[in-house]
Amino acid sequence: MNDYFERLTNRLLEHNDNMSYSEARTWIELLWEDFESTYAKAGHKYKGKDMTEKVLLEWIDHYGPRLHEVLLEKPKYRELFEKKRFYH
């Protein structure tokens, strides 16, 4: 699992130089968990880690450069980052 998170974190950092490694890693873990739980709640059969990685890579490529801006708009995420003291 760590290999997936590491690859995705590095990809996010390539697209966004406004966040630290710890922030990027936290985003990857949040997005991974959110995707898998939402997918399961929708009643879809689990298709594995490779499929989750593929979806997150698409999100990173599309939203990665602006992902740090979500902290300004979404109190839920801002609070999580403040608790971890990553938010600048």
PDB file of N, CA and C in Angstrom:
ATOM      1  N   MET A   1       0.828  -1.185   0.000  1.00  0.00           N
ATOM      2  CA  MET A   1       0.000   0.000   0.000  1.00  0.00           C
ATOM      3  C   MET A   1       0.876   1.253   0.000  1.00  0.00           C
ATOM      4  N   ASN A   2       1.950   1.195   0.756  1.00  0.00           N
ATOM      5  CA  ASN A   2       2.851   2.331   0.837  1.00  0.00           C
ATOM      6  C   ASN A   2       3.410   2.709  -0.538  1.00  0.00           C
ATOM      7  N   ASP A   3       3.651   1.704  -1.388  1.00  0.00           N
ATOM      8  CA  ASP A   3       4.167   1.974  -2.735  1.00  0.00           C
ATOM      9  C   ASP A   3       3.178   2.812  -3.547  1.00  0.00           C
ATOM     10  N   TYR A   4       1.903   2.485  -3.433  1.00  0.00           N
ATOM     11  CA  TYR A   4       0.877   3.267  -4.133  1.00  0.00           C
ATOM     12  C   TYR A   4       0.881   4.711  -3.644  1.00  0.00           C
ATOM     13  N   PHE A   5       0.858   4.866  -2.323  1.00  0.00           N
ATOM     14  CA  PHE A   5       0.821   6.214  -1.748  1.00  0.00           C
ATOM     15  C   PHE A   5       2.066   7.018  -2.126  1.00  0.00           C
ATOM     16  N   GLU A   6       3.197   6.355  -2.149  1.00  0.00           N
ATOM     17  CA  GLU A   6       4.445   7.043  -2.482  1.00  0.00           C
ATOM     18  C   GLU A   6       4.433   7.532  -3.931  1.00  0.00           C
ATOM     19  N   ARG A   7       4.018   6.658  -4.850  1.00  0.00           N
ATOM     20  CA  ARG A   7       3.949   7.049  -6.266  1.00  0.00           C
ATOM     21  C   ARG A   7       2.980   8.210  -6.473  1.00  0.00           C
ATOM     22  N   LEU A   8       1.809   8.116  -5.853  1.00  0.00           N
ATOM     23  CA  LEU A   8       0.796   9.158  -6.013  1.00  0.00           C
ATOM     24  C   LEU A   8       1.236  10.473  -5.371  1.00  0.00           C
ATOM     25  N   THR A   9       1.878  10.388  -4.226  1.00  0.00           N
ATOM     26  CA  THR A   9       2.370  11.593  -3.552  1.00  0.00           C
ATOM     27  C   THR A   9       3.399  12.299  -4.430  1.00  0.00           C
ATOM     28  N   ASN A  10       4.330  11.546  -4.979  1.00  0.00           N
ATOM     29  CA  ASN A  10       5.343  12.144  -5.849  1.00  0.00           C
ATOM     30  C   ASN A  10       4.723  12.754  -7.095  1.00  0.00           C
ATOM     31  N   ARG A  11       3.712  12.111  -7.638  1.00  0.00           N
ATOM     32  CA  ARG A  11       3.025  12.655  -8.818  1.00  0.00           C
ATOM     33  C   ARG A  11       2.334  13.971  -8.467  1.00  0.00           C
ATOM     34  N   LEU A  12       1.696  14.023  -7.305  1.00  0.00           N
ATOM     35  CA  LEU A  12       1.033  15.252  -6.878  1.00  0.00           C
ATOM     36  C   LEU A  12       2.052  16.370  -6.690  1.00  0.00           C
ATOM     37  N   LEU A  13       3.182  16.057  -6.103  1.00  0.00           N
ATOM     38  CA  LEU A  13       4.221  17.072  -5.902  1.00  0.00           C
ATOM     39  C   LEU A  13       4.777  17.590  -7.234  1.00  0.00           C
ATOM     40  N   GLU A  14       4.783  16.753  -8.260  1.00  0.00           N
ATOM     41  CA  GLU A  14       5.212  17.201  -9.588  1.00  0.00           C
ATOM     42  C   GLU A  14       4.253  18.245 -10.156  1.00  0.00           C
ATOM     43  N   HIS A  15       2.980  18.125  -9.786  1.00  0.00           N
ATOM     44  CA  HIS A  15       1.946  19.025 -10.309  1.00  0.00           C
ATOM     45  C   HIS A  15       1.677  20.229  -9.421  1.00  0.00           C
ATOM     46  N   ASN A  16       2.111  20.175  -8.179  1.00  0.00           N
ATOM     47  CA  ASN A  16       1.763  21.241  -7.247  1.00  0.00           C
ATOM     48  C   ASN A  16       2.956  21.545  -6.337  1.00  0.00           C
ATOM     49  N   ASP A  17       3.549  22.709  -6.544  1.00  0.00           N
ATOM     50  CA  ASP A  17       4.689  23.097  -5.711  1.00  0.00           C
ATOM     51  C   ASP A  17       4.276  23.990  -4.542  1.00  0.00           C
ATOM     52  N   ASN A  18       2.976  24.055  -4.282  1.00  0.00           N
ATOM     53  CA  ASN A  18       2.460  24.842  -3.162  1.00  0.00           C
ATOM     54  C   ASN A  18       2.264  24.015  -1.896  1.00  0.00           C
ATOM     55  N   MET A  19       2.601  22.750  -1.937  1.00  0.00           N
ATOM     56  CA  MET A  19       2.407  21.921  -0.747  1.00  0.00           C
ATOM     57  C   MET A  19       3.666  21.127  -0.434  1.00  0.00           C
ATOM     58  N   SER A  20       3.776  20.795   0.826  1.00  0.00           N
ATOM     59  CA  SER A  20       4.904  19.993   1.293  1.00  0.00           C
ATOM     60  C   SER A  20       4.637  18.512   1.015  1.00  0.00           C
ATOM     61  N   TYR A  21       5.660  17.708   1.218  1.00  0.00           N
ATOM     62  CA  TYR A  21       5.494  16.267   1.062  1.00  0.00           C
ATOM     63  C   TYR A  21       4.401  15.755   2.005  1.00  0.00           C
ATOM     64  N   SER A  22       4.413  16.209   3.248  1.00  0.00           N
ATOM     65  CA  SER A  22       3.427  15.745   4.239  1.00  0.00           C
ATOM     66  C   SER A  22       2.008  16.126   3.839  1.00  0.00           C
ATOM     67  N   GLU A  23       1.847  17.319   3.310  1.00  0.00           N
ATOM     68  CA  GLU A  23       0.517  17.739   2.850  1.00  0.00           C
ATOM     69  C   GLU A  23       0.066  16.882   1.670  1.00  0.00           C
ATOM     70  N   ALA A  24       0.961  16.669   0.731  1.00  0.00           N
ATOM     71  CA  ALA A  24       0.622  15.864  -0.446  1.00  0.00           C
ATOM     72  C   ALA A  24       0.271  14.436  -0.032  1.00  0.00           C
ATOM     73  N   ARG A  25       1.038  13.878   0.861  1.00  0.00           N
ATOM     74  CA  ARG A  25       0.767  12.509   1.328  1.00  0.00           C
ATOM     75  C   ARG A  25      -0.589  12.439   2.026  1.00  0.00           C
ATOM     76  N   THR A  26      -0.896  13.449   2.824  1.00  0.00           N
ATOM     77  CA  THR A  26      -2.190  13.483   3.504  1.00  0.00           C
ATOM     78  C   THR A  26      -3.325  13.556   2.490  1.00  0.00           C
ATOM     79  N   TRP A  27      -3.171  14.390   1.461  1.00  0.00           N
ATOM     80  CA  TRP A  27      -4.187  14.472   0.414  1.00  0.00           C
ATOM     81  C   TRP A  27      -4.387  13.119  -0.264  1.00  0.00           C
ATOM     82  N   ILE A  28      -3.310  12.440  -0.563  1.00  0.00           N
ATOM     83  CA  ILE A  28      -3.414  11.141  -1.230  1.00  0.00           C
ATOM     84  C   ILE A  28      -4.162  10.146  -0.346  1.00  0.00           C
ATOM     85  N   GLU A  29      -3.827  10.105   0.910  1.00  0.00           N
ATOM     86  CA  GLU A  29      -4.508   9.181   1.820  1.00  0.00           C
ATOM     87  C   GLU A  29      -5.991   9.521   1.945  1.00  0.00           C
ATOM     88  N   LEU A  30      -6.322  10.808   2.032  1.00  0.00           N
ATOM     89  CA  LEU A  30      -7.729  11.225   2.114  1.00  0.00           C
ATOM     90  C   LEU A  30      -8.490  10.874   0.838  1.00  0.00           C
ATOM     91  N   LEU A  31      -7.896  11.170  -0.303  1.00  0.00           N
ATOM     92  CA  LEU A  31      -8.562  10.886  -1.576  1.00  0.00           C
ATOM     93  C   LEU A  31      -8.742   9.388  -1.793  1.00  0.00           C
ATOM     94  N   TRP A  32      -7.730   8.615  -1.423  1.00  0.00           N
ATOM     95  CA  TRP A  32      -7.808   7.157  -1.567  1.00  0.00           C
ATOM     96  C   TRP A  32      -8.970   6.614  -0.730  1.00  0.00           C
ATOM     97  N   GLU A  33      -8.978   6.988   0.528  1.00  0.00           N
ATOM     98  CA  GLU A  33     -10.031   6.505   1.429  1.00  0.00           C
ATOM     99  C   GLU A  33     -11.406   6.957   0.963  1.00  0.00           C
ATOM    100  N   ASP A  34     -11.509   8.212   0.557  1.00  0.00           N
ATOM    101  CA  ASP A  34     -12.791   8.751   0.112  1.00  0.00           C
ATOM    102  C   ASP A  34     -13.285   8.025  -1.136  1.00  0.00           C
ATOM    103  N   PHE A  35     -12.400   7.804  -2.094  1.00  0.00           N
ATOM    104  CA  PHE A  35     -12.806   7.116  -3.310  1.00  0.00           C
ATOM    105  C   PHE A  35     -13.279   5.698  -3.010  1.00  0.00           C
ATOM    106  N   GLU A  36     -12.489   4.959  -2.253  1.00  0.00           N
ATOM    107  CA  GLU A  36     -12.853   3.562  -1.990  1.00  0.00           C
ATOM    108  C   GLU A  36     -14.145   3.451  -1.190  1.00  0.00           C
ATOM    109  N   SER A  37     -14.346   4.317  -0.209  1.00  0.00           N
ATOM    110  CA  SER A  37     -15.576   4.229   0.584  1.00  0.00           C
ATOM    111  C   SER A  37     -16.793   4.658  -0.232  1.00  0.00           C
ATOM    112  N   THR A  38     -16.652   5.682  -1.047  1.00  0.00           N
ATOM    113  CA  THR A  38     -17.761   6.130  -1.893  1.00  0.00           C
ATOM    114  C   THR A  38     -18.102   5.073  -2.930  1.00  0.00           C
ATOM    115  N   TYR A  39     -17.098   4.466  -3.508  1.00  0.00           N
ATOM    116  CA  TYR A  39     -17.294   3.414  -4.495  1.00  0.00           C
ATOM    117  C   TYR A  39     -18.042   2.230  -3.883  1.00  0.00           C
ATOM    118  N   ALA A  40     -17.652   1.862  -2.681  1.00  0.00           N
ATOM    119  CA  ALA A  40     -18.309   0.742  -1.992  1.00  0.00           C
ATOM    120  C   ALA A  40     -19.743   1.083  -1.601  1.00  0.00           C
ATOM    121  N   LYS A  41     -19.962   2.291  -1.112  1.00  0.00           N
ATOM    122  CA  LYS A  41     -21.317   2.710  -0.725  1.00  0.00           C
ATOM    123  C   LYS A  41     -22.265   2.725  -1.916  1.00  0.00           C
ATOM    124  N   ALA A  42     -21.711   2.968  -3.090  1.00  0.00           N
ATOM    125  CA  ALA A  42     -22.532   2.983  -4.304  1.00  0.00           C
ATOM    126  C   ALA A  42     -22.868   1.567  -4.771  1.00  0.00           C
ATOM    127  N   GLY A  43     -22.333   0.572  -4.083  1.00  0.00           N
ATOM    128  CA  GLY A  43     -22.646  -0.812  -4.392  1.00  0.00           C
ATOM    129  C   GLY A  43     -21.788  -1.434  -5.478  1.00  0.00           C
ATOM    130  N   HIS A  44     -20.702  -0.776  -5.833  1.00  0.00           N
ATOM    131  CA  HIS A  44     -19.825  -1.318  -6.865  1.00  0.00           C
ATOM    132  C   HIS A  44     -18.902  -2.377  -6.277  1.00  0.00           C
ATOM    133  N   LYS A  45     -18.590  -3.370  -7.087  1.00  0.00           N
ATOM    134  CA  LYS A  45     -17.655  -4.402  -6.678  1.00  0.00           C
ATOM    135  C   LYS A  45     -16.240  -3.822  -6.669  1.00  0.00           C
ATOM    136  N   TYR A  46     -15.484  -4.135  -5.638  1.00  0.00           N
ATOM    137  CA  TYR A  46     -14.116  -3.640  -5.506  1.00  0.00           C
ATOM    138  C   TYR A  46     -13.260  -4.178  -6.636  1.00  0.00           C
ATOM    139  N   LYS A  47     -12.567  -3.282  -7.337  1.00  0.00           N
ATOM    140  CA  LYS A  47     -11.760  -3.685  -8.490  1.00  0.00           C
ATOM    141  C   LYS A  47     -10.272  -3.585  -8.217  1.00  0.00           C
ATOM    142  N   GLY A  48      -9.900  -3.370  -6.981  1.00  0.00           N
ATOM    143  CA  GLY A  48      -8.498  -3.425  -6.619  1.00  0.00           C
ATOM    144  C   GLY A  48      -7.786  -2.089  -6.526  1.00  0.00           C
ATOM    145  N   LYS A  49      -6.598  -2.175  -5.975  1.00  0.00           N
ATOM    146  CA  LYS A  49      -5.773  -0.997  -5.736  1.00  0.00           C
ATOM    147  C   LYS A  49      -5.316  -0.345  -7.037  1.00  0.00           C
ATOM    148  N   ASP A  50      -5.084  -1.166  -8.059  1.00  0.00           N
ATOM    149  CA  ASP A  50      -4.630  -0.606  -9.336  1.00  0.00           C
ATOM    150  C   ASP A  50      -5.681   0.323  -9.932  1.00  0.00           C
ATOM    151  N   MET A  51      -6.952  -0.053  -9.812  1.00  0.00           N
ATOM    152  CA  MET A  51      -8.021   0.783 -10.328  1.00  0.00           C
ATOM    153  C   MET A  51      -8.124   2.079  -9.521  1.00  0.00           C
ATOM    154  N   THR A  52      -7.988   1.995  -8.218  1.00  0.00           N
ATOM    155  CA  THR A  52      -8.023   3.189  -7.381  1.00  0.00           C
ATOM    156  C   THR A  52      -6.861   4.106  -7.730  1.00  0.00           C
ATOM    157  N   GLU A  53      -5.685   3.536  -7.927  1.00  0.00           N
ATOM    158  CA  GLU A  53      -4.531   4.339  -8.312  1.00  0.00           C
ATOM    159  C   GLU A  53      -4.778   5.042  -9.653  1.00  0.00           C
ATOM    160  N   LYS A  54      -5.358   4.341 -10.597  1.00  0.00           N
ATOM    161  CA  LYS A  54      -5.634   4.922 -11.913  1.00  0.00           C
ATOM    162  C   LYS A  54      -6.563   6.134 -11.782  1.00  0.00           C
ATOM    163  N   VAL A  55      -7.603   6.006 -10.993  1.00  0.00           N
ATOM    164  CA  VAL A  55      -8.538   7.112 -10.796  1.00  0.00           C
ATOM    165  C   VAL A  55      -7.843   8.289 -10.125  1.00  0.00           C
ATOM    166  N   LEU A  56      -7.064   8.028  -9.096  1.00  0.00           N
ATOM    167  CA  LEU A  56      -6.364   9.111  -8.408  1.00  0.00           C
ATOM    168  C   LEU A  56      -5.343   9.793  -9.309  1.00  0.00           C
ATOM    169  N   LEU A  57      -4.690   9.042 -10.181  1.00  0.00           N
ATOM    170  CA  LEU A  57      -3.761   9.656 -11.136  1.00  0.00           C
ATOM    171  C   LEU A  57      -4.497  10.623 -12.062  1.00  0.00           C
ATOM    172  N   GLU A  58      -5.687  10.240 -12.489  1.00  0.00           N
ATOM    173  CA  GLU A  58      -6.491  11.137 -13.327  1.00  0.00           C
ATOM    174  C   GLU A  58      -6.861  12.406 -12.563  1.00  0.00           C
ATOM    175  N   TRP A  59      -7.260  12.238 -11.307  1.00  0.00           N
ATOM    176  CA  TRP A  59      -7.610  13.406 -10.487  1.00  0.00           C
ATOM    177  C   TRP A  59      -6.402  14.316 -10.293  1.00  0.00           C
ATOM    178  N   ILE A  60      -5.255  13.708 -10.009  1.00  0.00           N
ATOM    179  CA  ILE A  60      -4.027  14.496  -9.800  1.00  0.00           C
ATOM    180  C   ILE A  60      -3.675  15.275 -11.060  1.00  0.00           C
ATOM    181  N   ASP A  61      -3.738  14.591 -12.207  1.00  0.00           N
ATOM    182  CA  ASP A  61      -3.399  15.264 -13.453  1.00  0.00           C
ATOM    183  C   ASP A  61      -4.351  16.418 -13.749  1.00  0.00           C
ATOM    184  N   HIS A  62      -5.598  16.260 -13.367  1.00  0.00           N
ATOM    185  CA  HIS A  62      -6.586  17.293 -13.654  1.00  0.00           C
ATOM    186  C   HIS A  62      -6.659  18.378 -12.573  1.00  0.00           C
ATOM    187  N   TYR A  63      -6.698  17.970 -11.308  1.00  0.00           N
ATOM    188  CA  TYR A  63      -6.916  18.904 -10.201  1.00  0.00           C
ATOM    189  C   TYR A  63      -5.680  19.203  -9.364  1.00  0.00           C
ATOM    190  N   GLY A  64      -4.620  18.448  -9.551  1.00  0.00           N
ATOM    191  CA  GLY A  64      -3.431  18.555  -8.717  1.00  0.00           C
ATOM    192  C   GLY A  64      -2.862  19.948  -8.547  1.00  0.00           C
ATOM    193  N   PRO A  65      -2.729  20.727  -9.630  1.00  0.00           N
ATOM    194  CA  PRO A  65      -2.138  22.055  -9.484  1.00  0.00           C
ATOM    195  C   PRO A  65      -2.936  23.006  -8.586  1.00  0.00           C
ATOM    196  N   ARG A  66      -4.228  22.726  -8.415  1.00  0.00           N
ATOM    197  CA  ARG A  66      -5.066  23.618  -7.597  1.00  0.00           C
ATOM    198  C   ARG A  66      -5.596  22.946  -6.335  1.00  0.00           C
ATOM    199  N   LEU A  67      -5.157  21.752  -6.052  1.00  0.00           N
ATOM    200  CA  LEU A  67      -5.704  21.000  -4.927  1.00  0.00           C
ATOM    201  C   LEU A  67      -5.525  21.728  -3.602  1.00  0.00           C
ATOM    202  N   HIS A  68      -4.425  22.434  -3.424  1.00  0.00           N
ATOM    203  CA  HIS A  68      -4.190  23.156  -2.175  1.00  0.00           C
ATOM    204  C   HIS A  68      -5.251  24.225  -1.921  1.00  0.00           C
ATOM    205  N   GLU A  69      -5.928  24.707  -2.968  1.00  0.00           N
ATOM    206  CA  GLU A  69      -6.955  25.734  -2.817  1.00  0.00           C
ATOM    207  C   GLU A  69      -8.206  25.212  -2.122  1.00  0.00           C
ATOM    208  N   VAL A  70      -8.400  23.904  -2.117  1.00  0.00           N
ATOM    209  CA  VAL A  70      -9.568  23.320  -1.463  1.00  0.00           C
ATOM    210  C   VAL A  70      -9.560  23.651   0.025  1.00  0.00           C
ATOM    211  N   LEU A  71      -8.385  23.762   0.614  1.00  0.00           N
ATOM    212  CA  LEU A  71      -8.292  24.081   2.041  1.00  0.00           C
ATOM    213  C   LEU A  71      -8.936  25.423   2.349  1.00  0.00           C
ATOM    214  N   LEU A  72      -8.906  26.317   1.410  1.00  0.00           N
ATOM    215  CA  LEU A  72      -9.499  27.629   1.633  1.00  0.00           C
ATOM    216  C   LEU A  72     -11.018  27.577   1.559  1.00  0.00           C
ATOM    217  N   GLU A  73     -11.548  26.627   0.812  1.00  0.00           N
ATOM    218  CA  GLU A  73     -12.978  26.560   0.556  1.00  0.00           C
ATOM    219  C   GLU A  73     -13.723  25.540   1.422  1.00  0.00           C
ATOM    220  N   LYS A  74     -13.067  24.540   1.900  1.00  0.00           N
ATOM    221  CA  LYS A  74     -13.727  23.435   2.618  1.00  0.00           C
ATOM    222  C   LYS A  74     -13.239  23.345   4.061  1.00  0.00           C
ATOM    223  N   PRO A  75     -14.056  23.797   4.996  1.00  0.00           N
ATOM    224  CA  PRO A  75     -13.653  23.751   6.408  1.00  0.00           C
ATOM    225  C   PRO A  75     -13.301  22.346   6.906  1.00  0.00           C
ATOM    226  N   LYS A  76     -13.982  21.324   6.393  1.00  0.00           N
ATOM    227  CA  LYS A  76     -13.720  19.945   6.816  1.00  0.00           C
ATOM    228  C   LYS A  76     -12.254  19.585   6.588  1.00  0.00           C
ATOM    229  N   TYR A  77     -11.753  19.870   5.402  1.00  0.00           N
ATOM    230  CA  TYR A  77     -10.365  19.544   5.086  1.00  0.00           C
ATOM    231  C   TYR A  77      -9.402  20.474   5.807  1.00  0.00           C
ATOM    232  N   ARG A  78      -9.743  21.735   5.893  1.00  0.00           N
ATOM    233  CA  ARG A  78      -8.876  22.696   6.574  1.00  0.00           C
ATOM    234  C   ARG A  78      -8.653  22.260   8.022  1.00  0.00           C
ATOM    235  N   GLU A  79      -9.712  21.798   8.680  1.00  0.00           N
ATOM    236  CA  GLU A  79      -9.593  21.347  10.071  1.00  0.00           C
ATOM    237  C   GLU A  79      -8.674  20.127  10.191  1.00  0.00           C
ATOM    238  N   LEU A  80      -8.776  19.201   9.251  1.00  0.00           N
ATOM    239  CA  LEU A  80      -7.898  18.025   9.279  1.00  0.00           C
ATOM    240  C   LEU A  80      -6.435  18.427   9.165  1.00  0.00           C
ATOM    241  N   PHE A  81      -6.150  19.355   8.273  1.00  0.00           N
ATOM    242  CA  PHE A  81      -4.768  19.791   8.082  1.00  0.00           C
ATOM    243  C   PHE A  81      -4.283  20.625   9.261  1.00  0.00           C
ATOM    244  N   GLU A  82      -5.146  21.409   9.855  1.00  0.00           N
ATOM    245  CA  GLU A  82      -4.757  22.192  11.017  1.00  0.00           C
ATOM    246  C   GLU A  82      -4.429  21.289  12.199  1.00  0.00           C
ATOM    247  N   LYS A  83      -5.198  20.205  12.336  1.00  0.00           N
ATOM    248  CA  LYS A  83      -4.915  19.256  13.409  1.00  0.00           C
ATOM    249  C   LYS A  83      -3.553  18.610  13.229  1.00  0.00           C
ATOM    250  N   LYS A  84      -3.164  18.385  11.965  1.00  0.00           N
ATOM    251  CA  LYS A  84      -1.863  17.795  11.694  1.00  0.00           C
ATOM    252  C   LYS A  84      -0.772  18.861  11.581  1.00  0.00           C
ATOM    253  N   ARG A  85      -1.178  20.117  11.651  1.00  0.00           N
ATOM    254  CA  ARG A  85      -0.264  21.273  11.601  1.00  0.00           C
ATOM    255  C   ARG A  85       0.525  21.345  10.297  1.00  0.00           C
ATOM    256  N   PHE A  86      -0.151  20.990   9.188  1.00  0.00           N
ATOM    257  CA  PHE A  86       0.475  21.098   7.879  1.00  0.00           C
ATOM    258  C   PHE A  86       0.077  22.385   7.183  1.00  0.00           C
ATOM    259  N   TYR A  87      -1.075  22.919   7.552  1.00  0.00           N
ATOM    260  CA  TYR A  87      -1.614  24.079   6.860  1.00  0.00           C
ATOM    261  C   TYR A  87      -0.774  25.321   7.161  1.00  0.00           C
ATOM    262  N   HIS A  88      -0.363  26.037   6.145  1.00  0.00           N
ATOM    263  CA  HIS A  88       0.492  27.225   6.331  1.00  0.00           C
ATOM    264  C   HIS A  88      -0.392  28.442   6.489  1.00  0.00           C
TER     265      HIS A  88
END
